[in-house]
N, C-alpha and C. Protein backbone atom coordinates (compact mmCIF):
# COMPACT_ATOMS: atom_id res chain seq x y z
N MET A 1 83.42 98.75 100.88
CA MET A 1 84.11 98.41 99.64
C MET A 1 85.37 99.27 99.49
N ILE A 2 86.40 98.64 99.04
CA ILE A 2 87.69 99.31 98.87
C ILE A 2 87.71 100.08 97.54
N THR A 3 88.27 101.27 97.58
CA THR A 3 88.32 102.08 96.37
C THR A 3 89.56 101.76 95.54
N ASN A 4 89.51 102.12 94.29
CA ASN A 4 90.67 101.93 93.42
C ASN A 4 91.85 102.77 93.87
N GLU A 5 91.56 103.96 94.46
CA GLU A 5 92.67 104.79 94.93
C GLU A 5 93.42 104.11 96.07
N VAL A 6 92.71 103.45 96.97
CA VAL A 6 93.37 102.74 98.06
C VAL A 6 94.22 101.61 97.50
N LYS A 7 93.69 100.86 96.54
CA LYS A 7 94.46 99.79 95.90
C LYS A 7 95.70 100.36 95.21
N GLU A 8 95.53 101.51 94.57
CA GLU A 8 96.65 102.16 93.88
C GLU A 8 97.71 102.61 94.88
N VAL A 9 97.29 103.18 96.01
CA VAL A 9 98.23 103.61 97.05
C VAL A 9 99.04 102.41 97.54
N ARG A 10 98.37 101.30 97.79
CA ARG A 10 99.07 100.09 98.25
C ARG A 10 100.10 99.64 97.22
N GLY A 11 99.74 99.66 95.95
CA GLY A 11 100.67 99.28 94.90
C GLY A 11 101.86 100.22 94.81
N PHE A 12 101.59 101.52 94.95
CA PHE A 12 102.68 102.50 94.93
C PHE A 12 103.62 102.29 96.11
N ILE A 13 103.06 102.02 97.30
CA ILE A 13 103.91 101.78 98.47
C ILE A 13 104.84 100.61 98.20
N LEU A 14 104.30 99.52 97.65
CA LEU A 14 105.14 98.37 97.34
C LEU A 14 106.22 98.73 96.32
N ALA A 15 105.85 99.51 95.31
CA ALA A 15 106.82 99.91 94.28
C ALA A 15 107.93 100.77 94.89
N ILE A 16 107.57 101.67 95.79
CA ILE A 16 108.57 102.50 96.47
C ILE A 16 109.52 101.62 97.27
N LEU A 17 108.95 100.66 97.99
CA LEU A 17 109.78 99.77 98.80
C LEU A 17 110.68 98.89 97.95
N LYS A 18 110.22 98.54 96.75
CA LYS A 18 111.06 97.72 95.86
C LYS A 18 112.29 98.51 95.42
N LEU A 19 112.14 99.80 95.22
CA LEU A 19 113.29 100.63 94.85
C LEU A 19 114.33 100.68 95.97
N GLN A 20 113.89 100.57 97.20
CA GLN A 20 114.78 100.61 98.36
C GLN A 20 115.32 99.24 98.73
N TYR A 21 114.68 98.18 98.22
CA TYR A 21 114.96 96.80 98.63
C TYR A 21 116.43 96.47 98.48
N PRO A 22 117.07 95.85 99.47
CA PRO A 22 116.51 95.28 100.70
C PRO A 22 116.51 96.24 101.88
N SER A 23 116.83 97.51 101.65
CA SER A 23 116.83 98.49 102.74
C SER A 23 115.41 98.98 103.02
N PRO A 24 115.17 99.48 104.23
CA PRO A 24 113.85 100.00 104.55
C PRO A 24 113.65 101.43 104.04
N ALA A 25 112.40 101.84 104.01
CA ALA A 25 112.03 103.22 103.69
C ALA A 25 111.14 103.72 104.81
N SER A 26 111.26 104.98 105.14
CA SER A 26 110.45 105.55 106.21
C SER A 26 109.06 105.93 105.71
N ASP A 27 108.13 106.01 106.66
CA ASP A 27 106.78 106.47 106.30
C ASP A 27 106.84 107.87 105.70
N ARG A 28 107.79 108.68 106.11
CA ARG A 28 107.94 110.04 105.58
C ARG A 28 108.36 110.01 104.10
N LEU A 29 109.33 109.16 103.77
CA LEU A 29 109.76 109.03 102.37
C LEU A 29 108.60 108.55 101.51
N ILE A 30 107.86 107.56 102.01
CA ILE A 30 106.70 107.06 101.27
C ILE A 30 105.68 108.18 101.08
N SER A 31 105.43 108.96 102.14
CA SER A 31 104.47 110.06 102.08
C SER A 31 104.88 111.09 101.04
N LEU A 32 106.14 111.49 101.05
CA LEU A 32 106.62 112.50 100.09
C LEU A 32 106.51 111.99 98.66
N THR A 33 106.84 110.73 98.45
CA THR A 33 106.78 110.15 97.10
C THR A 33 105.34 110.05 96.61
N LEU A 34 104.42 109.62 97.48
CA LEU A 34 103.01 109.54 97.09
C LEU A 34 102.44 110.93 96.82
N ASN A 35 102.87 111.91 97.59
CA ASN A 35 102.41 113.28 97.40
C ASN A 35 102.76 113.76 96.00
N ASP A 36 103.94 113.38 95.50
CA ASP A 36 104.35 113.74 94.14
C ASP A 36 103.43 113.12 93.10
N SER A 37 102.77 112.00 93.46
CA SER A 37 101.85 111.32 92.54
C SER A 37 100.40 111.75 92.76
N HIS A 38 100.21 112.74 93.62
CA HIS A 38 98.88 113.29 93.91
C HIS A 38 97.93 112.24 94.48
N LEU A 39 98.48 111.33 95.32
CA LEU A 39 97.67 110.33 96.01
C LEU A 39 97.63 110.69 97.49
N ASP A 40 96.66 110.11 98.22
CA ASP A 40 96.54 110.37 99.65
C ASP A 40 97.85 109.98 100.32
N SER A 41 98.53 110.97 100.88
CA SER A 41 99.87 110.72 101.39
C SER A 41 100.03 111.11 102.86
N SER A 42 98.93 111.18 103.60
CA SER A 42 99.05 111.53 105.01
C SER A 42 99.72 110.37 105.76
N ILE A 43 100.47 110.72 106.78
CA ILE A 43 101.18 109.70 107.56
C ILE A 43 100.19 108.68 108.14
N PRO A 44 99.05 109.10 108.73
CA PRO A 44 98.10 108.09 109.23
C PRO A 44 97.59 107.15 108.12
N GLN A 45 97.35 107.68 106.93
CA GLN A 45 96.90 106.86 105.80
C GLN A 45 97.99 105.87 105.42
N ILE A 46 99.23 106.34 105.36
CA ILE A 46 100.36 105.47 105.00
C ILE A 46 100.50 104.35 106.02
N ARG A 47 100.44 104.71 107.30
CA ARG A 47 100.60 103.70 108.34
C ARG A 47 99.47 102.67 108.30
N GLY A 48 98.26 103.11 107.98
CA GLY A 48 97.14 102.18 107.85
C GLY A 48 97.36 101.20 106.71
N GLN A 49 97.84 101.70 105.58
CA GLN A 49 98.09 100.83 104.44
C GLN A 49 99.29 99.91 104.70
N LEU A 50 100.28 100.41 105.42
CA LEU A 50 101.41 99.55 105.79
C LEU A 50 100.94 98.41 106.69
N HIS A 51 100.03 98.71 107.61
CA HIS A 51 99.49 97.66 108.48
C HIS A 51 98.81 96.57 107.65
N TYR A 52 98.02 96.97 106.66
CA TYR A 52 97.37 96.01 105.77
C TYR A 52 98.41 95.16 105.05
N LEU A 53 99.44 95.81 104.51
CA LEU A 53 100.48 95.10 103.76
C LEU A 53 101.29 94.17 104.65
N VAL A 54 101.48 94.54 105.92
CA VAL A 54 102.14 93.65 106.88
C VAL A 54 101.27 92.42 107.12
N ASP A 55 99.96 92.65 107.35
CA ASP A 55 99.03 91.54 107.58
C ASP A 55 99.03 90.55 106.42
N LYS A 56 99.23 91.04 105.21
CA LYS A 56 99.24 90.19 104.02
C LYS A 56 100.60 89.52 103.79
N GLY A 57 101.62 89.96 104.52
CA GLY A 57 102.95 89.36 104.40
C GLY A 57 103.84 89.98 103.34
N TYR A 58 103.43 91.11 102.77
CA TYR A 58 104.21 91.74 101.71
C TYR A 58 105.27 92.70 102.24
N VAL A 59 105.08 93.14 103.48
CA VAL A 59 105.94 94.16 104.08
C VAL A 59 106.18 93.81 105.54
N ARG A 60 107.31 94.22 106.08
CA ARG A 60 107.51 94.18 107.52
C ARG A 60 107.88 95.60 107.97
N THR A 61 107.50 95.95 109.19
CA THR A 61 107.78 97.29 109.69
C THR A 61 108.44 97.21 111.05
N GLU A 62 109.11 98.29 111.37
CA GLU A 62 109.67 98.46 112.70
C GLU A 62 109.75 99.96 112.96
N GLU A 63 109.72 100.29 114.23
CA GLU A 63 109.86 101.70 114.58
C GLU A 63 111.33 102.05 114.54
N GLY A 64 111.63 103.19 113.95
CA GLY A 64 113.01 103.61 113.81
C GLY A 64 113.17 105.08 114.08
N ASN A 65 114.38 105.55 113.94
CA ASN A 65 114.68 106.94 114.19
C ASN A 65 115.35 107.50 112.94
N GLU A 66 114.75 108.55 112.39
CA GLU A 66 115.28 109.18 111.19
C GLU A 66 115.55 110.64 111.50
N LEU A 67 116.81 110.99 111.59
CA LEU A 67 117.20 112.37 111.92
C LEU A 67 116.57 112.85 113.22
N GLY A 68 116.52 111.95 114.20
CA GLY A 68 115.98 112.31 115.51
C GLY A 68 114.47 112.27 115.63
N ILE A 69 113.78 111.85 114.59
CA ILE A 69 112.32 111.78 114.60
C ILE A 69 111.89 110.33 114.52
N GLN A 70 110.95 109.94 115.38
CA GLN A 70 110.44 108.57 115.38
C GLN A 70 109.66 108.32 114.10
N ARG A 71 110.00 107.27 113.39
CA ARG A 71 109.37 106.93 112.12
C ARG A 71 109.06 105.44 112.07
N THR A 72 108.06 105.10 111.26
CA THR A 72 107.81 103.71 110.93
C THR A 72 108.66 103.39 109.71
N MET A 73 109.50 102.39 109.83
CA MET A 73 110.37 101.97 108.74
C MET A 73 109.78 100.70 108.14
N ALA A 74 109.64 100.67 106.82
CA ALA A 74 109.03 99.53 106.13
C ALA A 74 110.02 98.91 105.17
N THR A 75 109.98 97.58 105.12
CA THR A 75 110.86 96.82 104.22
C THR A 75 110.01 95.82 103.44
N LEU A 76 110.23 95.74 102.16
CA LEU A 76 109.54 94.77 101.32
C LEU A 76 110.04 93.37 101.66
N THR A 77 109.12 92.41 101.74
CA THR A 77 109.50 91.01 101.98
C THR A 77 109.70 90.32 100.63
N ALA A 78 110.22 89.11 100.67
CA ALA A 78 110.39 88.32 99.45
C ALA A 78 109.03 88.08 98.79
N LYS A 79 108.00 87.88 99.61
CA LYS A 79 106.65 87.69 99.06
C LYS A 79 106.19 88.96 98.34
N GLY A 80 106.54 90.13 98.87
CA GLY A 80 106.21 91.39 98.21
C GLY A 80 106.90 91.53 96.87
N VAL A 81 108.17 91.13 96.82
CA VAL A 81 108.91 91.15 95.55
C VAL A 81 108.24 90.22 94.55
N ASP A 82 107.87 89.02 95.02
CA ASP A 82 107.21 88.05 94.13
C ASP A 82 105.90 88.61 93.58
N LEU A 83 105.13 89.30 94.42
CA LEU A 83 103.87 89.90 93.96
C LEU A 83 104.15 90.93 92.87
N LEU A 84 105.10 91.80 93.11
CA LEU A 84 105.42 92.83 92.12
C LEU A 84 105.97 92.25 90.83
N ASP A 85 106.71 91.15 90.93
CA ASP A 85 107.29 90.52 89.74
C ASP A 85 106.30 89.63 89.00
N GLY A 86 105.14 89.38 89.60
CA GLY A 86 104.14 88.51 88.96
C GLY A 86 104.44 87.04 89.17
N SER A 87 105.30 86.71 90.12
CA SER A 87 105.65 85.31 90.39
C SER A 87 104.58 84.59 91.19
N ILE A 88 103.72 85.37 91.86
CA ILE A 88 102.58 84.81 92.59
C ILE A 88 101.33 85.51 92.06
N PRO A 89 100.15 84.93 92.29
CA PRO A 89 98.92 85.54 91.77
C PRO A 89 98.71 86.96 92.31
N ASP A 90 98.09 87.80 91.50
CA ASP A 90 97.76 89.16 91.92
C ASP A 90 96.85 89.12 93.14
N ASP A 91 96.97 90.15 93.97
CA ASP A 91 96.14 90.31 95.15
C ASP A 91 95.02 91.28 94.79
N PRO A 92 93.75 90.92 95.04
CA PRO A 92 92.65 91.81 94.66
C PRO A 92 92.62 93.12 95.43
N GLY A 93 93.36 93.22 96.53
CA GLY A 93 93.37 94.44 97.32
C GLY A 93 94.49 95.39 96.97
N ILE A 94 95.28 95.03 95.95
CA ILE A 94 96.44 95.85 95.59
C ILE A 94 96.52 95.99 94.08
N MET A 95 96.69 97.24 93.62
CA MET A 95 96.84 97.49 92.19
C MET A 95 98.34 97.54 91.87
N VAL A 96 98.80 96.50 91.21
CA VAL A 96 100.21 96.41 90.83
C VAL A 96 100.34 96.83 89.37
N THR A 97 101.26 97.75 89.12
CA THR A 97 101.55 98.17 87.77
C THR A 97 102.84 97.52 87.32
N ARG A 98 102.77 96.81 86.22
CA ARG A 98 103.97 96.14 85.70
C ARG A 98 104.33 96.72 84.35
């Protein structure tokens, strides 16, 4: 069973990506931002949640280089924007705050 904290982390990741939209955000930026919210912000945790969000079609990722360090770069998709805006039905695996 999925915990509310995992759902909340997924929602926060989408919210972070919406602030960057249409530009990507690195897994490091997401990690630092989640850490400020006292949520699980480890890079492996972030990458796992990004994989879930990619599978659902809300995010796309690519490997990139940020200041010489290999990073996963994530970009919100139009479907992700629609989810956050309430234009499509809520996803039970993601806690969206509006």
